[in-house]
Amino acid sequence: MNATDKRAMVRNTLRTLANAVAVTAALVTGAAAQSYPSKRLTIIVPYAPGGQFDFVGRKLAQLLSSTDL
């Protein structure tokens, strides 16, 4: 493989990487613009109250309800 082929391969790789970054940025921007969820969520913890899963569920709900996410 000569130097011209190597330069072409690097150029194609960089072009593909730039396209992937551009597509990813466009998808992330579109997803960030959505205001999901627009209504209240219900978290169901199918275990007894006062147990470790109840504690984790309550902490998770508290974290999700905070506005600084």
PDB file of N, CA and C in Angstrom:
ATOM      1  N   MET A   1       0.854  -1.162   0.000  1.00  0.00           N
ATOM      2  CA  MET A   1       0.000   0.000   0.000  1.00  0.00           C
ATOM      3  C   MET A   1       0.908   1.236   0.000  1.00  0.00           C
ATOM      4  N   ASN A   2       0.673   2.123  -0.946  1.00  0.00           N
ATOM      5  CA  ASN A   2       1.530   3.308  -1.028  1.00  0.00           C
ATOM      6  C   ASN A   2       0.946   4.463  -0.216  1.00  0.00           C
ATOM      7  N   ALA A   3       1.654   5.583  -0.204  1.00  0.00           N
ATOM      8  CA  ALA A   3       1.269   6.731   0.628  1.00  0.00           C
ATOM      9  C   ALA A   3      -0.058   7.336   0.174  1.00  0.00           C
ATOM     10  N   THR A   4      -0.325   7.325  -1.134  1.00  0.00           N
ATOM     11  CA  THR A   4      -1.576   7.891  -1.638  1.00  0.00           C
ATOM     12  C   THR A   4      -2.767   7.075  -1.155  1.00  0.00           C
ATOM     13  N   ASP A   5      -2.635   5.756  -1.164  1.00  0.00           N
ATOM     14  CA  ASP A   5      -3.714   4.885  -0.675  1.00  0.00           C
ATOM     15  C   ASP A   5      -3.956   5.090   0.818  1.00  0.00           C
ATOM     16  N   LYS A   6      -2.885   5.245   1.575  1.00  0.00           N
ATOM     17  CA  LYS A   6      -3.028   5.461   3.008  1.00  0.00           C
ATOM     18  C   LYS A   6      -3.738   6.784   3.290  1.00  0.00           C
ATOM     19  N   ARG A   7      -3.369   7.837   2.548  1.00  0.00           N
ATOM     20  CA  ARG A   7      -4.018   9.139   2.735  1.00  0.00           C
ATOM     21  C   ARG A   7      -5.501   9.057   2.386  1.00  0.00           C
ATOM     22  N   ALA A   8      -5.826   8.334   1.327  1.00  0.00           N
ATOM     23  CA  ALA A   8      -7.225   8.180   0.931  1.00  0.00           C
ATOM     24  C   ALA A   8      -8.008   7.411   1.993  1.00  0.00           C
ATOM     25  N   MET A   9      -7.383   6.390   2.572  1.00  0.00           N
ATOM     26  CA  MET A   9      -8.045   5.609   3.611  1.00  0.00           C
ATOM     27  C   MET A   9      -8.279   6.463   4.859  1.00  0.00           C
ATOM     28  N   VAL A  10      -7.290   7.251   5.249  1.00  0.00           N
ATOM     29  CA  VAL A  10      -7.445   8.133   6.406  1.00  0.00           C
ATOM     30  C   VAL A  10      -8.517   9.179   6.126  1.00  0.00           C
ATOM     31  N   ARG A  11      -8.533   9.736   4.933  1.00  0.00           N
ATOM     32  CA  ARG A  11      -9.529  10.737   4.565  1.00  0.00           C
ATOM     33  C   ARG A  11     -10.934  10.146   4.621  1.00  0.00           C
ATOM     34  N   ASN A  12     -11.108   8.937   4.104  1.00  0.00           N
ATOM     35  CA  ASN A  12     -12.415   8.279   4.149  1.00  0.00           C
ATOM     36  C   ASN A  12     -12.842   7.965   5.583  1.00  0.00           C
ATOM     37  N   THR A  13     -11.898   7.538   6.387  1.00  0.00           N
ATOM     38  CA  THR A  13     -12.206   7.246   7.788  1.00  0.00           C
ATOM     39  C   THR A  13     -12.630   8.510   8.521  1.00  0.00           C
ATOM     40  N   LEU A  14     -11.912   9.600   8.310  1.00  0.00           N
ATOM     41  CA  LEU A  14     -12.260  10.864   8.958  1.00  0.00           C
ATOM     42  C   LEU A  14     -13.606  11.386   8.465  1.00  0.00           C
ATOM     43  N   ARG A  15     -13.881  11.220   7.191  1.00  0.00           N
ATOM     44  CA  ARG A  15     -15.163  11.657   6.643  1.00  0.00           C
ATOM     45  C   ARG A  15     -16.307  10.847   7.266  1.00  0.00           C
ATOM     46  N   THR A  16     -16.117   9.546   7.392  1.00  0.00           N
ATOM     47  CA  THR A  16     -17.130   8.690   8.013  1.00  0.00           C
ATOM     48  C   THR A  16     -17.334   9.057   9.476  1.00  0.00           C
ATOM     49  N   LEU A  17     -16.258   9.314  10.182  1.00  0.00           N
ATOM     50  CA  LEU A  17     -16.348   9.717  11.583  1.00  0.00           C
ATOM     51  C   LEU A  17     -17.072  11.049  11.726  1.00  0.00           C
ATOM     52  N   ALA A  18     -16.773  12.005  10.868  1.00  0.00           N
ATOM     53  CA  ALA A  18     -17.445  13.306  10.910  1.00  0.00           C
ATOM     54  C   ALA A  18     -18.938  13.156  10.629  1.00  0.00           C
ATOM     55  N   ASN A  19     -19.295  12.315   9.686  1.00  0.00           N
ATOM     56  CA  ASN A  19     -20.712  12.072   9.400  1.00  0.00           C
ATOM     57  C   ASN A  19     -21.413  11.424  10.593  1.00  0.00           C
ATOM     58  N   ALA A  20     -20.753  10.482  11.238  1.00  0.00           N
ATOM     59  CA  ALA A  20     -21.342   9.825  12.405  1.00  0.00           C
ATOM     60  C   ALA A  20     -21.553  10.821  13.542  1.00  0.00           C
ATOM     61  N   VAL A  21     -20.594  11.708  13.750  1.00  0.00           N
ATOM     62  CA  VAL A  21     -20.732  12.727  14.798  1.00  0.00           C
ATOM     63  C   VAL A  21     -21.877  13.675  14.461  1.00  0.00           C
ATOM     64  N   ALA A  22     -22.001  14.075  13.207  1.00  0.00           N
ATOM     65  CA  ALA A  22     -23.072  14.987  12.803  1.00  0.00           C
ATOM     66  C   ALA A  22     -24.446  14.347  12.990  1.00  0.00           C
ATOM     67  N   VAL A  23     -24.588  13.083  12.620  1.00  0.00           N
ATOM     68  CA  VAL A  23     -25.866  12.393  12.777  1.00  0.00           C
ATOM     69  C   VAL A  23     -26.198  12.235  14.258  1.00  0.00           C
ATOM     70  N   THR A  24     -25.212  11.865  15.072  1.00  0.00           N
ATOM     71  CA  THR A  24     -25.434  11.714  16.505  1.00  0.00           C
ATOM     72  C   THR A  24     -25.851  13.033  17.138  1.00  0.00           C
ATOM     73  N   ALA A  25     -25.196  14.121  16.757  1.00  0.00           N
ATOM     74  CA  ALA A  25     -25.548  15.438  17.298  1.00  0.00           C
ATOM     75  C   ALA A  25     -26.975  15.819  16.912  1.00  0.00           C
ATOM     76  N   ALA A  26     -27.373  15.514  15.696  1.00  0.00           N
ATOM     77  CA  ALA A  26     -28.735  15.827  15.261  1.00  0.00           C
ATOM     78  C   ALA A  26     -29.762  15.015  16.041  1.00  0.00           C
ATOM     79  N   LEU A  27     -29.473  13.752  16.296  1.00  0.00           N
ATOM     80  CA  LEU A  27     -30.404  12.908  17.048  1.00  0.00           C
ATOM     81  C   LEU A  27     -30.511  13.343  18.505  1.00  0.00           C
ATOM     82  N   VAL A  28     -29.388  13.704  19.104  1.00  0.00           N
ATOM     83  CA  VAL A  28     -29.390  14.130  20.499  1.00  0.00           C
ATOM     84  C   VAL A  28     -30.135  15.445  20.646  1.00  0.00           C
ATOM     85  N   THR A  29     -29.957  16.352  19.720  1.00  0.00           N
ATOM     86  CA  THR A  29     -30.646  17.637  19.772  1.00  0.00           C
ATOM     87  C   THR A  29     -32.150  17.440  19.657  1.00  0.00           C
ATOM     88  N   GLY A  30     -32.579  16.567  18.784  1.00  0.00           N
ATOM     89  CA  GLY A  30     -34.004  16.293  18.634  1.00  0.00           C
ATOM     90  C   GLY A  30     -34.590  15.648  19.875  1.00  0.00           C
ATOM     91  N   ALA A  31     -33.848  14.761  20.490  1.00  0.00           N
ATOM     92  CA  ALA A  31     -34.346  14.086  21.692  1.00  0.00           C
ATOM     93  C   ALA A  31     -34.391  15.042  22.875  1.00  0.00           C
ATOM     94  N   ALA A  32     -33.457  15.971  22.957  1.00  0.00           N
ATOM     95  CA  ALA A  32     -33.433  16.911  24.078  1.00  0.00           C
ATOM     96  C   ALA A  32     -34.567  17.925  23.987  1.00  0.00           C
ATOM     97  N   ALA A  33     -35.101  18.149  22.800  1.00  0.00           N
ATOM     98  CA  ALA A  33     -36.154  19.135  22.630  1.00  0.00           C
ATOM     99  C   ALA A  33     -37.500  18.636  23.135  1.00  0.00           C
ATOM    100  N   GLN A  34     -37.650  17.351  23.320  1.00  0.00           N
ATOM    101  CA  GLN A  34     -38.918  16.796  23.767  1.00  0.00           C
ATOM    102  C   GLN A  34     -39.063  16.975  25.276  1.00  0.00           C
ATOM    103  N   SER A  35     -40.280  17.200  25.708  1.00  0.00           N
ATOM    104  CA  SER A  35     -40.528  17.370  27.140  1.00  0.00           C
ATOM    105  C   SER A  35     -41.252  16.132  27.676  1.00  0.00           C
ATOM    106  N   TYR A  36     -40.603  14.998  27.635  1.00  0.00           N
ATOM    107  CA  TYR A  36     -41.187  13.760  28.128  1.00  0.00           C
ATOM    108  C   TYR A  36     -40.783  13.574  29.570  1.00  0.00           C
ATOM    109  N   PRO A  37     -41.551  13.173  30.454  1.00  0.00           N
ATOM    110  CA  PRO A  37     -42.976  12.937  30.326  1.00  0.00           C
ATOM    111  C   PRO A  37     -43.752  14.222  30.565  1.00  0.00           C
ATOM    112  N   SER A  38     -44.855  14.348  29.900  1.00  0.00           N
ATOM    113  CA  SER A  38     -45.670  15.540  30.058  1.00  0.00           C
ATOM    114  C   SER A  38     -46.739  15.344  31.129  1.00  0.00           C
ATOM    115  N   LYS A  39     -46.856  14.140  31.655  1.00  0.00           N
ATOM    116  CA  LYS A  39     -47.808  13.895  32.740  1.00  0.00           C
ATOM    117  C   LYS A  39     -47.131  13.061  33.825  1.00  0.00           C
ATOM    118  N   ARG A  40     -47.806  12.892  34.926  1.00  0.00           N
ATOM    119  CA  ARG A  40     -47.260  12.206  36.090  1.00  0.00           C
ATOM    120  C   ARG A  40     -47.026  10.721  35.809  1.00  0.00           C
ATOM    121  N   LEU A  41     -45.921  10.209  36.308  1.00  0.00           N
ATOM    122  CA  LEU A  41     -45.603   8.784  36.200  1.00  0.00           C
ATOM    123  C   LEU A  41     -45.955   8.079  37.502  1.00  0.00           C
ATOM    124  N   THR A  42     -46.303   6.825  37.413  1.00  0.00           N
ATOM    125  CA  THR A  42     -46.561   6.010  38.595  1.00  0.00           C
ATOM    126  C   THR A  42     -45.523   4.895  38.641  1.00  0.00           C
ATOM    127  N   ILE A  43     -44.799   4.841  39.739  1.00  0.00           N
ATOM    128  CA  ILE A  43     -43.809   3.781  39.938  1.00  0.00           C
ATOM    129  C   ILE A  43     -44.435   2.739  40.849  1.00  0.00           C
ATOM    130  N   ILE A  44     -44.498   1.501  40.392  1.00  0.00           N
ATOM    131  CA  ILE A  44     -45.083   0.415  41.167  1.00  0.00           C
ATOM    132  C   ILE A  44     -43.953  -0.475  41.681  1.00  0.00           C
ATOM    133  N   VAL A  45     -43.858  -0.578  42.990  1.00  0.00           N
ATOM    134  CA  VAL A  45     -42.867  -1.450  43.625  1.00  0.00           C
ATOM    135  C   VAL A  45     -43.630  -2.649  44.178  1.00  0.00           C
ATOM    136  N   PRO A  46     -43.470  -3.811  43.563  1.00  0.00           N
ATOM    137  CA  PRO A  46     -44.293  -4.972  43.939  1.00  0.00           C
ATOM    138  C   PRO A  46     -43.780  -5.734  45.163  1.00  0.00           C
ATOM    139  N   TYR A  47     -43.285  -5.011  46.155  1.00  0.00           N
ATOM    140  CA  TYR A  47     -42.798  -5.649  47.376  1.00  0.00           C
ATOM    141  C   TYR A  47     -43.376  -4.931  48.575  1.00  0.00           C
ATOM    142  N   ALA A  48     -43.197  -5.488  49.744  1.00  0.00           N
ATOM    143  CA  ALA A  48     -43.783  -4.954  50.973  1.00  0.00           C
ATOM    144  C   ALA A  48     -43.236  -3.563  51.297  1.00  0.00           C
ATOM    145  N   PRO A  49     -44.109  -2.695  51.850  1.00  0.00           N
ATOM    146  CA  PRO A  49     -43.630  -1.381  52.255  1.00  0.00           C
ATOM    147  C   PRO A  49     -42.643  -1.492  53.412  1.00  0.00           C
ATOM    148  N   GLY A  50     -41.670  -0.610  53.416  1.00  0.00           N
ATOM    149  CA  GLY A  50     -40.669  -0.606  54.477  1.00  0.00           C
ATOM    150  C   GLY A  50     -39.460  -1.470  54.178  1.00  0.00           C
ATOM    151  N   GLY A  51     -39.495  -2.211  53.106  1.00  0.00           N
ATOM    152  CA  GLY A  51     -38.362  -3.068  52.755  1.00  0.00           C
ATOM    153  C   GLY A  51     -37.331  -2.314  51.934  1.00  0.00           C
ATOM    154  N   GLN A  52     -36.303  -3.025  51.538  1.00  0.00           N
ATOM    155  CA  GLN A  52     -35.230  -2.380  50.796  1.00  0.00           C
ATOM    156  C   GLN A  52     -35.677  -1.937  49.415  1.00  0.00           C
ATOM    157  N   PHE A  53     -36.565  -2.684  48.773  1.00  0.00           N
ATOM    158  CA  PHE A  53     -37.032  -2.283  47.453  1.00  0.00           C
ATOM    159  C   PHE A  53     -37.946  -1.064  47.536  1.00  0.00           C
ATOM    160  N   ASP A  54     -38.717  -0.970  48.607  1.00  0.00           N
ATOM    161  CA  ASP A  54     -39.550   0.203  48.828  1.00  0.00           C
ATOM    162  C   ASP A  54     -38.673   1.436  49.022  1.00  0.00           C
ATOM    163  N   PHE A  55     -37.613   1.277  49.790  1.00  0.00           N
ATOM    164  CA  PHE A  55     -36.679   2.383  50.023  1.00  0.00           C
ATOM    165  C   PHE A  55     -36.053   2.854  48.712  1.00  0.00           C
ATOM    166  N   VAL A  56     -35.585   1.905  47.908  1.00  0.00           N
ATOM    167  CA  VAL A  56     -34.972   2.247  46.624  1.00  0.00           C
ATOM    168  C   VAL A  56     -35.999   2.903  45.704  1.00  0.00           C
ATOM    169  N   GLY A  57     -37.223   2.386  45.688  1.00  0.00           N
ATOM    170  CA  GLY A  57     -38.276   2.976  44.868  1.00  0.00           C
ATOM    171  C   GLY A  57     -38.589   4.403  45.265  1.00  0.00           C
ATOM    172  N   ARG A  58     -38.634   4.661  46.561  1.00  0.00           N
ATOM    173  CA  ARG A  58     -38.906   6.018  47.043  1.00  0.00           C
ATOM    174  C   ARG A  58     -37.767   6.969  46.704  1.00  0.00           C
ATOM    175  N   LYS A  59     -36.534   6.506  46.864  1.00  0.00           N
ATOM    176  CA  LYS A  59     -35.380   7.345  46.517  1.00  0.00           C
ATOM    177  C   LYS A  59     -35.343   7.620  45.011  1.00  0.00           C
ATOM    178  N   LEU A  60     -35.674   6.610  44.222  1.00  0.00           N
ATOM    179  CA  LEU A  60     -35.716   6.780  42.775  1.00  0.00           C
ATOM    180  C   LEU A  60     -36.796   7.790  42.386  1.00  0.00           C
ATOM    181  N   ALA A  61     -37.961   7.686  43.007  1.00  0.00           N
ATOM    182  CA  ALA A  61     -39.042   8.628  42.720  1.00  0.00           C
ATOM    183  C   ALA A  61     -38.643  10.048  43.113  1.00  0.00           C
ATOM    184  N   GLN A  62     -37.964  10.177  44.238  1.00  0.00           N
ATOM    185  CA  GLN A  62     -37.516  11.490  44.686  1.00  0.00           C
ATOM    186  C   GLN A  62     -36.496  12.065  43.701  1.00  0.00           C
ATOM    187  N   LEU A  63     -35.585  11.236  43.226  1.00  0.00           N
ATOM    188  CA  LEU A  63     -34.591  11.681  42.259  1.00  0.00           C
ATOM    189  C   LEU A  63     -35.253  12.093  40.945  1.00  0.00           C
ATOM    190  N   LEU A  64     -36.189  11.300  40.472  1.00  0.00           N
ATOM    191  CA  LEU A  64     -36.850  11.607  39.209  1.00  0.00           C
ATOM    192  C   LEU A  64     -37.733  12.850  39.290  1.00  0.00           C
ATOM    193  N   SER A  65     -38.245  13.151  40.478  1.00  0.00           N
ATOM    194  CA  SER A  65     -39.107  14.326  40.613  1.00  0.00           C
ATOM    195  C   SER A  65     -38.324  15.626  40.746  1.00  0.00           C
ATOM    196  N   SER A  66     -37.028  15.535  41.012  1.00  0.00           N
ATOM    197  CA  SER A  66     -36.232  16.760  41.120  1.00  0.00           C
ATOM    198  C   SER A  66     -36.067  17.379  39.733  1.00  0.00           C
ATOM    199  N   THR A  67     -35.949  18.681  39.697  1.00  0.00           N
ATOM    200  CA  THR A  67     -35.872  19.387  38.412  1.00  0.00           C
ATOM    201  C   THR A  67     -34.443  19.603  37.962  1.00  0.00           C
ATOM    202  N   ASP A  68     -33.451  19.198  38.740  1.00  0.00           N
ATOM    203  CA  ASP A  68     -32.061  19.438  38.321  1.00  0.00           C
ATOM    204  C   ASP A  68     -31.434  18.261  37.594  1.00  0.00           C
ATOM    205  N   LEU A  69     -32.189  17.457  36.918  1.00  0.00           N
ATOM    206  CA  LEU A  69     -31.621  16.307  36.205  1.00  0.00           C
ATOM    207  C   LEU A  69     -30.788  16.724  35.072  1.00  0.00           C
TER     208      LEU A  69
END
